[in-house]
Amino acid sequence: MSFAHWLRSNSERYLAIDAQRRVGARYGARAPQKARGAREIFWRHVFTPVYRLLPWGIRRRVIAILPGSHRRDWPIRSGRPRGPAV
């Protein structure tokens, strides 16, 4: 697994847990389990709050820098298409 893929999978997981915690606190639902171990403490108490504080422009630049961590645009073709479409 590449670093970018690992980072994306972990950040998605812990950002989702944080979103569930915030929505649950708003509507009185049960909170997620407490963080266990240094890894979970880092992701839930350091990474997630720092990520939420970053302005969108900085987040977008970081996402664009990491290869494979975001959806790529279609390549730009030069010239007109040739031949029939079907």
PDB file of N, CA and C in Angstrom:
ATOM      1  N   MET A   1       0.853  -1.164   0.000  1.00  0.00           N
ATOM      2  CA  MET A   1       0.000   0.000   0.000  1.00  0.00           C
ATOM      3  C   MET A   1       0.904   1.234   0.000  1.00  0.00           C
ATOM      4  N   SER A   2       0.615   2.157  -0.898  1.00  0.00           N
ATOM      5  CA  SER A   2       1.430   3.365  -0.974  1.00  0.00           C
ATOM      6  C   SER A   2       1.111   4.296   0.199  1.00  0.00           C
ATOM      7  N   PHE A   3       2.016   5.231   0.444  1.00  0.00           N
ATOM      8  CA  PHE A   3       1.828   6.179   1.532  1.00  0.00           C
ATOM      9  C   PHE A   3       0.558   7.012   1.334  1.00  0.00           C
ATOM     10  N   ALA A   4       0.328   7.481   0.106  1.00  0.00           N
ATOM     11  CA  ALA A   4      -0.851   8.304  -0.168  1.00  0.00           C
ATOM     12  C   ALA A   4      -2.134   7.525   0.088  1.00  0.00           C
ATOM     13  N   HIS A   5      -2.156   6.248  -0.313  1.00  0.00           N
ATOM     14  CA  HIS A   5      -3.343   5.422  -0.078  1.00  0.00           C
ATOM     15  C   HIS A   5      -3.553   5.179   1.413  1.00  0.00           C
ATOM     16  N   TRP A   6      -2.486   4.904   2.116  1.00  0.00           N
ATOM     17  CA  TRP A   6      -2.565   4.695   3.568  1.00  0.00           C
ATOM     18  C   TRP A   6      -3.070   5.952   4.265  1.00  0.00           C
ATOM     19  N   LEU A   7      -2.525   7.106   3.886  1.00  0.00           N
ATOM     20  CA  LEU A   7      -2.944   8.373   4.483  1.00  0.00           C
ATOM     21  C   LEU A   7      -4.411   8.648   4.210  1.00  0.00           C
ATOM     22  N   ARG A   8      -4.843   8.405   2.983  1.00  0.00           N
ATOM     23  CA  ARG A   8      -6.238   8.659   2.639  1.00  0.00           C
ATOM     24  C   ARG A   8      -7.175   7.741   3.407  1.00  0.00           C
ATOM     25  N   SER A   9      -6.862   6.464   3.478  1.00  0.00           N
ATOM     26  CA  SER A   9      -7.752   5.531   4.170  1.00  0.00           C
ATOM     27  C   SER A   9      -7.858   5.856   5.659  1.00  0.00           C
ATOM     28  N   ASN A  10      -6.738   6.186   6.286  1.00  0.00           N
ATOM     29  CA  ASN A  10      -6.779   6.539   7.701  1.00  0.00           C
ATOM     30  C   ASN A  10      -7.505   7.859   7.936  1.00  0.00           C
ATOM     31  N   SER A  11      -7.225   8.861   7.112  1.00  0.00           N
ATOM     32  CA  SER A  11      -7.874  10.151   7.317  1.00  0.00           C
ATOM     33  C   SER A  11      -9.374  10.042   7.081  1.00  0.00           C
ATOM     34  N   GLU A  12      -9.805   9.296   6.061  1.00  0.00           N
ATOM     35  CA  GLU A  12     -11.244   9.110   5.833  1.00  0.00           C
ATOM     36  C   GLU A  12     -11.907   8.455   7.037  1.00  0.00           C
ATOM     37  N   ARG A  13     -11.257   7.441   7.561  1.00  0.00           N
ATOM     38  CA  ARG A  13     -11.840   6.711   8.698  1.00  0.00           C
ATOM     39  C   ARG A  13     -12.008   7.617   9.918  1.00  0.00           C
ATOM     40  N   TYR A  14     -10.947   8.316  10.277  1.00  0.00           N
ATOM     41  CA  TYR A  14     -11.004   9.105  11.501  1.00  0.00           C
ATOM     42  C   TYR A  14     -11.783  10.408  11.329  1.00  0.00           C
ATOM     43  N   LEU A  15     -11.831  10.961  10.125  1.00  0.00           N
ATOM     44  CA  LEU A  15     -12.702  12.116   9.885  1.00  0.00           C
ATOM     45  C   LEU A  15     -14.169  11.698   9.947  1.00  0.00           C
ATOM     46  N   ALA A  16     -14.493  10.487   9.487  1.00  0.00           N
ATOM     47  CA  ALA A  16     -15.862   9.983   9.586  1.00  0.00           C
ATOM     48  C   ALA A  16     -16.248   9.761  11.044  1.00  0.00           C
ATOM     49  N   ILE A  17     -15.345   9.216  11.835  1.00  0.00           N
ATOM     50  CA  ILE A  17     -15.620   9.019  13.263  1.00  0.00           C
ATOM     51  C   ILE A  17     -15.872  10.359  13.936  1.00  0.00           C
ATOM     52  N   ASP A  18     -15.075  11.372  13.588  1.00  0.00           N
ATOM     53  CA  ASP A  18     -15.268  12.700  14.169  1.00  0.00           C
ATOM     54  C   ASP A  18     -16.600  13.298  13.740  1.00  0.00           C
ATOM     55  N   ALA A  19     -16.976  13.108  12.485  1.00  0.00           N
ATOM     56  CA  ALA A  19     -18.272  13.619  12.016  1.00  0.00           C
ATOM     57  C   ALA A  19     -19.416  12.929  12.762  1.00  0.00           C
ATOM     58  N   GLN A  20     -19.304  11.619  12.971  1.00  0.00           N
ATOM     59  CA  GLN A  20     -20.328  10.898  13.731  1.00  0.00           C
ATOM     60  C   GLN A  20     -20.404  11.409  15.161  1.00  0.00           C
ATOM     61  N   ARG A  21     -19.257  11.712  15.743  1.00  0.00           N
ATOM     62  CA  ARG A  21     -19.238  12.230  17.105  1.00  0.00           C
ATOM     63  C   ARG A  21     -19.940  13.580  17.182  1.00  0.00           C
ATOM     64  N   ARG A  22     -19.639  14.477  16.224  1.00  0.00           N
ATOM     65  CA  ARG A  22     -20.236  15.811  16.242  1.00  0.00           C
ATOM     66  C   ARG A  22     -21.744  15.764  15.993  1.00  0.00           C
ATOM     67  N   VAL A  23     -22.175  14.947  15.026  1.00  0.00           N
ATOM     68  CA  VAL A  23     -23.613  14.826  14.751  1.00  0.00           C
ATOM     69  C   VAL A  23     -24.313  14.162  15.938  1.00  0.00           C
ATOM     70  N   GLY A  24     -23.691  13.149  16.496  1.00  0.00           N
ATOM     71  CA  GLY A  24     -24.273  12.485  17.659  1.00  0.00           C
ATOM     72  C   GLY A  24     -24.411  13.415  18.850  1.00  0.00           C
ATOM     73  N   ALA A  25     -23.427  14.282  19.067  1.00  0.00           N
ATOM     74  CA  ALA A  25     -23.509  15.235  20.170  1.00  0.00           C
ATOM     75  C   ALA A  25     -24.648  16.221  19.940  1.00  0.00           C
ATOM     76  N   ARG A  26     -24.877  16.591  18.700  1.00  0.00           N
ATOM     77  CA  ARG A  26     -25.947  17.540  18.383  1.00  0.00           C
ATOM     78  C   ARG A  26     -27.320  16.933  18.626  1.00  0.00           C
ATOM     79  N   TYR A  27     -27.488  15.648  18.295  1.00  0.00           N
ATOM     80  CA  TYR A  27     -28.802  15.016  18.378  1.00  0.00           C
ATOM     81  C   TYR A  27     -28.939  14.033  19.535  1.00  0.00           C
ATOM     82  N   GLY A  28     -27.982  13.998  20.421  1.00  0.00           N
ATOM     83  CA  GLY A  28     -28.089  13.179  21.625  1.00  0.00           C
ATOM     84  C   GLY A  28     -27.864  11.690  21.408  1.00  0.00           C
ATOM     85  N   ALA A  29     -27.135  11.326  20.394  1.00  0.00           N
ATOM     86  CA  ALA A  29     -26.853   9.910  20.146  1.00  0.00           C
ATOM     87  C   ALA A  29     -25.627   9.473  20.947  1.00  0.00           C
ATOM     88  N   ARG A  30     -25.409   8.187  20.951  1.00  0.00           N
ATOM     89  CA  ARG A  30     -24.274   7.625  21.653  1.00  0.00           C
ATOM     90  C   ARG A  30     -22.970   8.039  20.984  1.00  0.00           C
ATOM     91  N   ALA A  31     -21.965   8.355  21.774  1.00  0.00           N
ATOM     92  CA  ALA A  31     -20.659   8.756  21.249  1.00  0.00           C
ATOM     93  C   ALA A  31     -19.857   7.519  20.836  1.00  0.00           C
ATOM     94  N   PRO A  32     -18.931   7.679  19.860  1.00  0.00           N
ATOM     95  CA  PRO A  32     -18.054   6.550  19.516  1.00  0.00           C
ATOM     96  C   PRO A  32     -17.178   6.159  20.706  1.00  0.00           C
ATOM     97  N   GLN A  33     -16.610   4.969  20.639  1.00  0.00           N
ATOM     98  CA  GLN A  33     -15.736   4.516  21.716  1.00  0.00           C
ATOM     99  C   GLN A  33     -14.546   5.459  21.864  1.00  0.00           C
ATOM    100  N   LYS A  34     -14.016   5.498  23.065  1.00  0.00           N
ATOM    101  CA  LYS A  34     -12.846   6.344  23.317  1.00  0.00           C
ATOM    102  C   LYS A  34     -11.636   5.809  22.556  1.00  0.00           C
ATOM    103  N   ALA A  35     -10.725   6.724  22.239  1.00  0.00           N
ATOM    104  CA  ALA A  35      -9.515   6.345  21.512  1.00  0.00           C
ATOM    105  C   ALA A  35      -8.654   5.430  22.380  1.00  0.00           C
ATOM    106  N   ARG A  36      -8.161   4.362  21.742  1.00  0.00           N
ATOM    107  CA  ARG A  36      -7.287   3.414  22.439  1.00  0.00           C
ATOM    108  C   ARG A  36      -5.953   3.386  21.732  1.00  0.00           C
ATOM    109  N   GLY A  37      -4.909   3.575  22.441  1.00  0.00           N
ATOM    110  CA  GLY A  37      -3.568   3.494  21.868  1.00  0.00           C
ATOM    111  C   GLY A  37      -3.108   4.814  21.273  1.00  0.00           C
ATOM    112  N   ALA A  38      -1.813   4.899  21.081  1.00  0.00           N
ATOM    113  CA  ALA A  38      -1.205   6.140  20.592  1.00  0.00           C
ATOM    114  C   ALA A  38      -1.662   6.476  19.177  1.00  0.00           C
ATOM    115  N   ARG A  39      -1.842   5.457  18.334  1.00  0.00           N
ATOM    116  CA  ARG A  39      -2.258   5.697  16.958  1.00  0.00           C
ATOM    117  C   ARG A  39      -3.626   6.380  16.907  1.00  0.00           C
ATOM    118  N   GLU A  40      -4.604   5.807  17.600  1.00  0.00           N
ATOM    119  CA  GLU A  40      -5.942   6.404  17.605  1.00  0.00           C
ATOM    120  C   GLU A  40      -5.948   7.764  18.278  1.00  0.00           C
ATOM    121  N   ILE A  41      -5.182   7.933  19.327  1.00  0.00           N
ATOM    122  CA  ILE A  41      -5.115   9.240  19.994  1.00  0.00           C
ATOM    123  C   ILE A  41      -4.586  10.289  19.033  1.00  0.00           C
ATOM    124  N   PHE A  42      -3.534   9.949  18.264  1.00  0.00           N
ATOM    125  CA  PHE A  42      -3.004  10.903  17.292  1.00  0.00           C
ATOM    126  C   PHE A  42      -4.058  11.266  16.250  1.00  0.00           C
ATOM    127  N   TRP A  43      -4.663  10.250  15.617  1.00  0.00           N
ATOM    128  CA  TRP A  43      -5.611  10.527  14.534  1.00  0.00           C
ATOM    129  C   TRP A  43      -6.843  11.266  15.023  1.00  0.00           C
ATOM    130  N   ARG A  44      -7.350  10.930  16.199  1.00  0.00           N
ATOM    131  CA  ARG A  44      -8.603  11.530  16.664  1.00  0.00           C
ATOM    132  C   ARG A  44      -8.423  12.830  17.417  1.00  0.00           C
ATOM    133  N   HIS A  45      -7.273  13.019  18.071  1.00  0.00           N
ATOM    134  CA  HIS A  45      -7.106  14.211  18.906  1.00  0.00           C
ATOM    135  C   HIS A  45      -6.082  15.208  18.371  1.00  0.00           C
ATOM    136  N   VAL A  46      -5.308  14.811  17.365  1.00  0.00           N
ATOM    137  CA  VAL A  46      -4.337  15.729  16.761  1.00  0.00           C
ATOM    138  C   VAL A  46      -4.694  15.981  15.293  1.00  0.00           C
ATOM    139  N   PHE A  47      -4.716  14.926  14.481  1.00  0.00           N
ATOM    140  CA  PHE A  47      -4.937  15.090  13.050  1.00  0.00           C
ATOM    141  C   PHE A  47      -6.305  15.688  12.735  1.00  0.00           C
ATOM    142  N   THR A  48      -7.359  15.110  13.284  1.00  0.00           N
ATOM    143  CA  THR A  48      -8.712  15.562  12.947  1.00  0.00           C
ATOM    144  C   THR A  48      -8.955  17.020  13.313  1.00  0.00           C
ATOM    145  N   PRO A  49      -8.628  17.478  14.518  1.00  0.00           N
ATOM    146  CA  PRO A  49      -8.851  18.905  14.816  1.00  0.00           C
ATOM    147  C   PRO A  49      -7.994  19.835  13.952  1.00  0.00           C
ATOM    148  N   VAL A  50      -6.751  19.439  13.678  1.00  0.00           N
ATOM    149  CA  VAL A  50      -5.889  20.282  12.836  1.00  0.00           C
ATOM    150  C   VAL A  50      -6.453  20.341  11.422  1.00  0.00           C
ATOM    151  N   TYR A  51      -6.900  19.219  10.888  1.00  0.00           N
ATOM    152  CA  TYR A  51      -7.471  19.185   9.541  1.00  0.00           C
ATOM    153  C   TYR A  51      -8.708  20.075   9.451  1.00  0.00           C
ATOM    154  N   ARG A  52      -9.549  20.026  10.458  1.00  0.00           N
ATOM    155  CA  ARG A  52     -10.764  20.844  10.441  1.00  0.00           C
ATOM    156  C   ARG A  52     -10.456  22.333  10.544  1.00  0.00           C
ATOM    157  N   LEU A  53      -9.324  22.708  11.130  1.00  0.00           N
ATOM    158  CA  LEU A  53      -8.948  24.117  11.246  1.00  0.00           C
ATOM    159  C   LEU A  53      -8.323  24.681   9.967  1.00  0.00           C
ATOM    160  N   LEU A  54      -7.803  23.794   9.103  1.00  0.00           N
ATOM    161  CA  LEU A  54      -7.149  24.260   7.878  1.00  0.00           C
ATOM    162  C   LEU A  54      -8.165  24.884   6.920  1.00  0.00           C
ATOM    163  N   PRO A  55      -7.818  26.020   6.320  1.00  0.00           N
ATOM    164  CA  PRO A  55      -8.701  26.594   5.302  1.00  0.00           C
ATOM    165  C   PRO A  55      -8.764  25.679   4.074  1.00  0.00           C
ATOM    166  N   TRP A  56      -9.859  25.774   3.322  1.00  0.00           N
ATOM    167  CA  TRP A  56     -10.070  24.887   2.191  1.00  0.00           C
ATOM    168  C   TRP A  56      -8.956  25.000   1.152  1.00  0.00           C
ATOM    169  N   GLY A  57      -8.424  26.198   0.917  1.00  0.00           N
ATOM    170  CA  GLY A  57      -7.362  26.371  -0.068  1.00  0.00           C
ATOM    171  C   GLY A  57      -6.131  25.541   0.255  1.00  0.00           C
ATOM    172  N   ILE A  58      -5.762  25.472   1.514  1.00  0.00           N
ATOM    173  CA  ILE A  58      -4.597  24.672   1.922  1.00  0.00           C
ATOM    174  C   ILE A  58      -4.920  23.184   1.790  1.00  0.00           C
ATOM    175  N   ARG A  59      -6.112  22.781   2.188  1.00  0.00           N
ATOM    176  CA  ARG A  59      -6.503  21.373   2.040  1.00  0.00           C
ATOM    177  C   ARG A  59      -6.440  20.954   0.577  1.00  0.00           C
ATOM    178  N   ARG A  60      -6.951  21.801  -0.304  1.00  0.00           N
ATOM    179  CA  ARG A  60      -6.977  21.483  -1.728  1.00  0.00           C
ATOM    180  C   ARG A  60      -5.561  21.312  -2.284  1.00  0.00           C
ATOM    181  N   ARG A  61      -4.634  22.185  -1.862  1.00  0.00           N
ATOM    182  CA  ARG A  61      -3.248  22.068  -2.330  1.00  0.00           C
ATOM    183  C   ARG A  61      -2.596  20.774  -1.848  1.00  0.00           C
ATOM    184  N   VAL A  62      -2.837  20.418  -0.596  1.00  0.00           N
ATOM    185  CA  VAL A  62      -2.265  19.173  -0.052  1.00  0.00           C
ATOM    186  C   VAL A  62      -2.818  17.977  -0.807  1.00  0.00           C
ATOM    187  N   ILE A  63      -4.116  17.970  -1.083  1.00  0.00           N
ATOM    188  CA  ILE A  63      -4.731  16.869  -1.818  1.00  0.00           C
ATOM    189  C   ILE A  63      -4.141  16.772  -3.211  1.00  0.00           C
ATOM    190  N   ALA A  64      -3.909  17.916  -3.861  1.00  0.00           N
ATOM    191  CA  ALA A  64      -3.362  17.907  -5.220  1.00  0.00           C
ATOM    192  C   ALA A  64      -1.913  17.419  -5.250  1.00  0.00           C
ATOM    193  N   ILE A  65      -1.163  17.646  -4.190  1.00  0.00           N
ATOM    194  CA  ILE A  65       0.243  17.240  -4.138  1.00  0.00           C
ATOM    195  C   ILE A  65       0.385  15.731  -3.988  1.00  0.00           C
ATOM    196  N   LEU A  66      -0.481  15.110  -3.187  1.00  0.00           N
ATOM    197  CA  LEU A  66      -0.362  13.679  -2.913  1.00  0.00           C
ATOM    198  C   LEU A  66      -0.824  12.859  -4.117  1.00  0.00           C
ATOM    199  N   PRO A  67       0.032  12.046  -4.689  1.00  0.00           N
ATOM    200  CA  PRO A  67      -0.366  11.260  -5.857  1.00  0.00           C
ATOM    201  C   PRO A  67      -1.328  10.143  -5.488  1.00  0.00           C
ATOM    202  N   GLY A  68      -2.348   9.986  -6.289  1.00  0.00           N
ATOM    203  CA  GLY A  68      -3.288   8.894  -6.081  1.00  0.00           C
ATOM    204  C   GLY A  68      -4.260   9.096  -4.942  1.00  0.00           C
ATOM    205  N   SER A  69      -4.242  10.242  -4.289  1.00  0.00           N
ATOM    206  CA  SER A  69      -5.136  10.440  -3.157  1.00  0.00           C
ATOM    207  C   SER A  69      -6.385  11.207  -3.541  1.00  0.00           C
ATOM    208  N   HIS A  70      -6.565  11.485  -4.802  1.00  0.00           N
ATOM    209  CA  HIS A  70      -7.736  12.238  -5.243  1.00  0.00           C
ATOM    210  C   HIS A  70      -8.094  11.843  -6.671  1.00  0.00           C
ATOM    211  N   ARG A  71      -9.240  12.288  -7.111  1.00  0.00           N
ATOM    212  CA  ARG A  71      -9.698  11.977  -8.462  1.00  0.00           C
ATOM    213  C   ARG A  71      -8.965  12.838  -9.474  1.00  0.00           C
ATOM    214  N   ARG A  72      -8.453  12.230 -10.492  1.00  0.00           N
ATOM    215  CA  ARG A  72      -7.733  12.947 -11.537  1.00  0.00           C
ATOM    216  C   ARG A  72      -8.699  13.385 -12.637  1.00  0.00           C
ATOM    217  N   ASP A  73      -8.369  14.487 -13.309  1.00  0.00           N
ATOM    218  CA  ASP A  73      -9.143  14.932 -14.459  1.00  0.00           C
ATOM    219  C   ASP A  73      -8.795  14.083 -15.674  1.00  0.00           C
ATOM    220  N   TRP A  74      -9.694  14.065 -16.637  1.00  0.00           N
ATOM    221  CA  TRP A  74      -9.412  13.381 -17.890  1.00  0.00           C
ATOM    222  C   TRP A  74      -8.288  14.111 -18.599  1.00  0.00           C
ATOM    223  N   PRO A  75      -7.425  13.393 -19.316  1.00  0.00           N
ATOM    224  CA  PRO A  75      -6.351  14.068 -20.049  1.00  0.00           C
ATOM    225  C   PRO A  75      -6.932  14.920 -21.185  1.00  0.00           C
ATOM    226  N   ILE A  76      -6.290  16.042 -21.452  1.00  0.00           N
ATOM    227  CA  ILE A  76      -6.730  16.931 -22.513  1.00  0.00           C
ATOM    228  C   ILE A  76      -6.211  16.380 -23.836  1.00  0.00           C
ATOM    229  N   ARG A  77      -7.122  16.181 -24.779  1.00  0.00           N
ATOM    230  CA  ARG A  77      -6.726  15.665 -26.082  1.00  0.00           C
ATOM    231  C   ARG A  77      -6.423  16.822 -27.013  1.00  0.00           C
ATOM    232  N   SER A  78      -5.447  16.624 -27.834  1.00  0.00           N
ATOM    233  CA  SER A  78      -5.130  17.658 -28.810  1.00  0.00           C
ATOM    234  C   SER A  78      -5.818  17.321 -30.119  1.00  0.00           C
ATOM    235  N   GLY A  79      -6.333  18.329 -30.791  1.00  0.00           N
ATOM    236  CA  GLY A  79      -6.964  18.114 -32.091  1.00  0.00           C
ATOM    237  C   GLY A  79      -8.395  17.647 -31.991  1.00  0.00           C
ATOM    238  N   ARG A  80      -8.987  17.466 -33.131  1.00  0.00           N
ATOM    239  CA  ARG A  80     -10.385  17.036 -33.213  1.00  0.00           C
ATOM    240  C   ARG A  80     -10.453  15.519 -33.253  1.00  0.00           C
ATOM    241  N   PRO A  81     -11.527  14.947 -32.781  1.00  0.00           N
ATOM    242  CA  PRO A  81     -11.673  13.501 -32.866  1.00  0.00           C
ATOM    243  C   PRO A  81     -11.799  13.057 -34.331  1.00  0.00           C
ATOM    244  N   ARG A  82     -11.262  11.891 -34.616  1.00  0.00           N
ATOM    245  CA  ARG A  82     -11.304  11.367 -35.981  1.00  0.00           C
ATOM    246  C   ARG A  82     -12.201  10.152 -36.044  1.00  0.00           C
ATOM    247  N   GLY A  83     -12.884   9.991 -37.143  1.00  0.00           N
ATOM    248  CA  GLY A  83     -13.702   8.803 -37.357  1.00  0.00           C
ATOM    249  C   GLY A  83     -15.058   8.893 -36.706  1.00  0.00           C
ATOM    250  N   PRO A  84     -15.874   7.878 -36.925  1.00  0.00           N
ATOM    251  CA  PRO A  84     -17.210   7.877 -36.338  1.00  0.00           C
ATOM    252  C   PRO A  84     -17.152   7.602 -34.833  1.00  0.00           C
ATOM    253  N   ALA A  85     -18.175   8.068 -34.140  1.00  0.00           N
ATOM    254  CA  ALA A  85     -18.233   7.884 -32.691  1.00  0.00           C
ATOM    255  C   ALA A  85     -18.639   6.472 -32.321  1.00  0.00           C
ATOM    256  N   VAL A  86     -19.304   5.805 -33.216  1.00  0.00           N
ATOM    257  CA  VAL A  86     -19.795   4.450 -32.916  1.00  0.00           C
ATOM    258  C   VAL A  86     -19.052   3.432 -33.733  1.00  0.00           C
TER     259      VAL A  86
END
